[in-house]
C-alpha atoms as a PDB file:
ATOM      1  CA  MET A   1       3.753  -8.411   3.482  1.00  0.00           C
ATOM      2  CA  THR A   2       4.401 -10.151   6.496  1.00  0.00           C
ATOM      3  CA  VAL A   3       1.524  -8.421   8.196  1.00  0.00           C
ATOM      4  CA  ILE A   4      -0.917  -9.408   5.501  1.00  0.00           C
ATOM      5  CA  VAL A   5       0.238 -13.018   5.632  1.00  0.00           C
ATOM      6  CA  ALA A   6       0.019 -12.896   9.468  1.00  0.00           C
ATOM      7  CA  LEU A   7      -3.698 -11.328   9.311  1.00  0.00           C
ATOM      8  CA  ASP A   8      -4.721 -14.235   6.827  1.00  0.00           C
ATOM      9  CA  PRO A   9      -7.354 -12.062   4.950  1.00  0.00           C
ATOM     10  CA  VAL A  10     -10.098 -13.350   2.606  1.00  0.00           C
ATOM     11  CA  THR A  11      -8.587 -13.615  -0.889  1.00  0.00           C
ATOM     12  CA  ARG A  12     -11.708 -14.525  -2.902  1.00  0.00           C
ATOM     13  CA  GLN A  13     -14.995 -12.766  -2.853  1.00  0.00           C
ATOM     14  CA  GLU A  14     -16.850 -16.162  -2.676  1.00  0.00           C
ATOM     15  CA  ASP A  15     -15.232 -16.575   0.826  1.00  0.00           C
ATOM     16  CA  CYS A  16     -16.645 -13.408   2.176  1.00  0.00           C
ATOM     17  CA  SER A  17     -19.275 -13.844   4.784  1.00  0.00           C
ATOM     18  CA  ASN A  18     -21.573 -11.460   2.952  1.00  0.00           C
ATOM     19  CA  TYR A  19     -21.291 -13.087  -0.453  1.00  0.00           C
ATOM     20  CA  HIS A  20     -24.582 -12.536  -2.465  1.00  0.00           C
ATOM     21  CA  ALA A  21     -26.021 -10.088   0.288  1.00  0.00           C
ATOM     22  CA  ALA A  22     -25.952  -6.489   0.982  1.00  0.00           C
ATOM     23  CA  GLY A  23     -23.636  -4.640   3.534  1.00  0.00           C
ATOM     24  CA  ASN A  24     -20.020  -4.358   4.213  1.00  0.00           C
ATOM     25  CA  VAL A  25     -17.768  -6.988   5.748  1.00  0.00           C
ATOM     26  CA  SER A  26     -14.028  -6.868   6.541  1.00  0.00           C
ATOM     27  CA  ALA A  27     -11.723  -9.248   4.783  1.00  0.00           C
ATOM     28  CA  PHE A  28     -10.106  -9.726   8.072  1.00  0.00           C
ATOM     29  CA  ASP A  29     -11.118 -11.293  11.173  1.00  0.00           C
ATOM     30  CA  ASP A  30     -10.885  -7.933  13.115  1.00  0.00           C
ATOM     31  CA  PRO A  31     -12.455  -5.080  11.149  1.00  0.00           C
ATOM     32  CA  VAL A  32     -10.150  -2.634  12.809  1.00  0.00           C
ATOM     33  CA  TRP A  33      -7.474  -3.830  10.338  1.00  0.00           C
ATOM     34  CA  ASP A  34      -9.234  -2.241   7.466  1.00  0.00           C
ATOM     35  CA  LEU A  35      -8.163   1.185   8.960  1.00  0.00           C
ATOM     36  CA  ASN A  36      -4.744   0.017  10.402  1.00  0.00           C
ATOM     37  CA  LEU A  37      -3.759  -1.432   7.051  1.00  0.00           C
ATOM     38  CA  ALA A  38      -4.703   1.638   5.098  1.00  0.00           C
ATOM     39  CA  VAL A  39      -2.905   3.948   7.605  1.00  0.00           C
ATOM     40  CA  MET A  40       0.216   1.555   7.213  1.00  0.00           C
ATOM     41  CA  GLY A  41       0.232   1.840   3.482  1.00  0.00           C
ATOM     42  CA  LEU A  42      -0.185   5.778   3.627  1.00  0.00           C
ATOM     43  CA  GLY A  43       2.713   5.630   6.288  1.00  0.00           C
ATOM     44  CA  TRP A  44       4.797   3.655   3.835  1.00  0.00           C
ATOM     45  CA  ILE A  45       4.085   6.150   0.806  1.00  0.00           C
ATOM     46  CA  ALA A  46       4.911   8.994   3.252  1.00  0.00           C
ATOM     47  CA  LEU A  47       8.221   7.604   4.185  1.00  0.00           C
ATOM     48  CA  THR A  48       9.363   6.703   0.739  1.00  0.00           C
ATOM     49  CA  THR A  49       8.644  10.130  -0.250  1.00  0.00           C
ATOM     50  CA  LEU A  50      10.546  11.515   2.877  1.00  0.00           C
ATOM     51  CA  GLU A  51      13.374   9.319   1.944  1.00  0.00           C
ATOM     52  CA  GLN A  52      13.489  10.909  -1.475  1.00  0.00           C
ATOM     53  CA  PHE A  53      14.300  14.248   0.265  1.00  0.00           C
ATOM     54  CA  LEU A  54      17.288  13.258   2.377  1.00  0.00           C
ATOM     55  CA  PRO A  55      20.588  14.858   1.160  1.00  0.00           C
ATOM     56  CA  ILE A  56      22.561  13.282  -1.766  1.00  0.00           C
ATOM     57  CA  THR A  57      25.696  14.263  -3.658  1.00  0.00           C
ATOM     58  CA  HIS A  58      24.913  15.751  -6.982  1.00  0.00           C
ATOM     59  CA  ARG A  59      27.589  16.209  -9.759  1.00  0.00           C
ATOM     60  CA  GLY A  60      26.233  18.301 -12.535  1.00  0.00           C
ATOM     61  CA  TRP A  61      22.873  17.947 -14.355  1.00  0.00           C
ATOM     62  CA  ASN A  62      23.213  14.132 -14.514  1.00  0.00           C
ATOM     63  CA  GLY A  63      23.179  13.932 -10.741  1.00  0.00           C
ATOM     64  CA  TRP A  64      20.074  15.963 -10.439  1.00  0.00           C
ATOM     65  CA  PHE A  65      18.493  14.219 -13.348  1.00  0.00           C
ATOM     66  CA  SER A  66      19.223  10.752 -11.779  1.00  0.00           C
ATOM     67  CA  ALA A  67      18.100  11.707  -8.548  1.00  0.00           C
ATOM     68  CA  ILE A  68      14.804  12.893  -9.900  1.00  0.00           C
ATOM     69  CA  ALA A  69      14.266   9.715 -11.828  1.00  0.00           C
ATOM     70  CA  ARG A  70      15.026   7.657  -8.947  1.00  0.00           C
ATOM     71  CA  ALA A  71      12.624   9.587  -6.794  1.00  0.00           C
ATOM     72  CA  MET A  72       9.740   9.406  -9.284  1.00  0.00           C
ATOM     73  CA  ILE A  73      10.317   5.471  -9.606  1.00  0.00           C
ATOM     74  CA  ALA A  74      10.559   5.027  -5.866  1.00  0.00           C
ATOM     75  CA  ILE A  75       7.352   7.098  -5.146  1.00  0.00           C
ATOM     76  CA  GLY A  76       5.446   5.287  -8.131  1.00  0.00           C
ATOM     77  CA  LEU A  77       6.314   1.952  -7.097  1.00  0.00           C
ATOM     78  CA  SER A  78       5.266   2.509  -3.408  1.00  0.00           C
ATOM     79  CA  VAL A  79       1.965   4.061  -4.634  1.00  0.00           C
ATOM     80  CA  ALA A  80       1.453   1.162  -7.058  1.00  0.00           C
ATOM     81  CA  GLY A  81       2.353  -1.433  -4.489  1.00  0.00           C
ATOM     82  CA  CYS A  82      -0.082  -0.057  -2.086  1.00  0.00           C
ATOM     83  CA  CYS A  83      -2.887   0.228  -4.371  1.00  0.00           C
ATOM     84  CA  CYS A  84      -2.318  -3.328  -5.936  1.00  0.00           C
ATOM     85  CA  LEU A  85      -1.555  -5.229  -2.575  1.00  0.00           C
ATOM     86  CA  ILE A  86      -3.387  -3.332   0.110  1.00  0.00           C
ATOM     87  CA  GLY A  87      -6.187  -1.570  -1.751  1.00  0.00           C
ATOM     88  CA  ARG A  88      -7.410  -5.009  -3.278  1.00  0.00           C
ATOM     89  CA  LEU A  89      -7.827  -6.444   0.247  1.00  0.00           C
ATOM     90  CA  LEU A  90      -9.745  -3.406   1.518  1.00  0.00           C
ATOM     91  CA  ILE A  91     -12.433  -3.541  -1.151  1.00  0.00           C
ATOM     92  CA  MET A  92     -12.616  -7.410  -1.533  1.00  0.00           C
ATOM     93  CA  CYS A  93     -15.827  -7.858   0.753  1.00  0.00           C
ATOM     94  CA  ASN A  94     -17.500  -4.722   0.045  1.00  0.00           C
END
């Protein structure tokens, strides 16, 4: 979130430099951040998924069930956050 605030992207389509025109423009001052931000988002999802495979102590079926539920919630939230926060900015001016 700090990276997005520091980059100060365009948050309204009316502020895009190609508004009412054809062509693709980045929402950021430096268009390289379109790729960098997408890679950072995929990295976030990958690290969240990797974290779910770290060893934990299980006690019976309830331990496995809670671990699986926690993993699904964590991965789901990271994908949803990536799509809602980063995905919206990447398609803002296209």
